[in-house]
Amino acid sequence: MHYGNQSIQVEEDITKSELEEKKTVFMEKNYNLELSHIKEIEKHTKLQITSASWMDERKKRLTASNFGLVYKRNPKVPVTPLVNSLLYSTFKGNKATRLGLREERVTIQEYIQQKAKQKVKVKVENMGLVVDEEVQFLGASPDGKVIDEHNKLGLIEIKNVLHNKEMTLLQATSSIKNFCLEKNNNHELKL
């Protein structure tokens, strides 16, 4: 595979046939998993960012978190920085991500309380890395699995959209251009 004139050219350290063999072994080991193994990955990665296996399994997959970077990549820009960031990132978080992680449980509890006000009883369970059963190089790590009183399932993904802003979500609907929520006629939030 050729990544363009701007890609890093390296000395061949293994033959093409050895590389093909290693690729085949890697693909078989990581992308030909039984359903039981896929479920084990999700179970053992529920601690997400604090789990070494979560980090390891994510590096083998295109995840919901990085899919946009790959999909929207400008073909005129060298691919090397993107590949390096996906495979070798040392990002351990920043002030905003640490705040988001700290507030995640609180926000989930607020969600549960809001649903209760709407007379809908839900519980939210932690989730690990969910590997697509058919296309096993794809995965996602939702913040939780939502289960209602009728056992209907959903997912929840928390985004701290108002970090460093002194306003409520309701105020943000009229103050922030293209805000992700809207206010309906009853002054309730809706997507």
Foldseek 3Di string as FASTA:
>chain_A
DDQDPPDDDDDDPDDPVVVVVVVVVVCCVQPVDDPVVLVVLWVQFLVPLVHPSLVVNQLQADEPVCPCVVVVPDSVDGCVVVNCCSNPNPDSDDPQVVVQVVCVVVVVVVVQVVVVVVVKHKDWDGIGWRADNNGRRYIYGFRTWIQTPVRDIDTHHDDPPQVPHDDDPLVCQPVPPPDPWHQDPVRDIDD
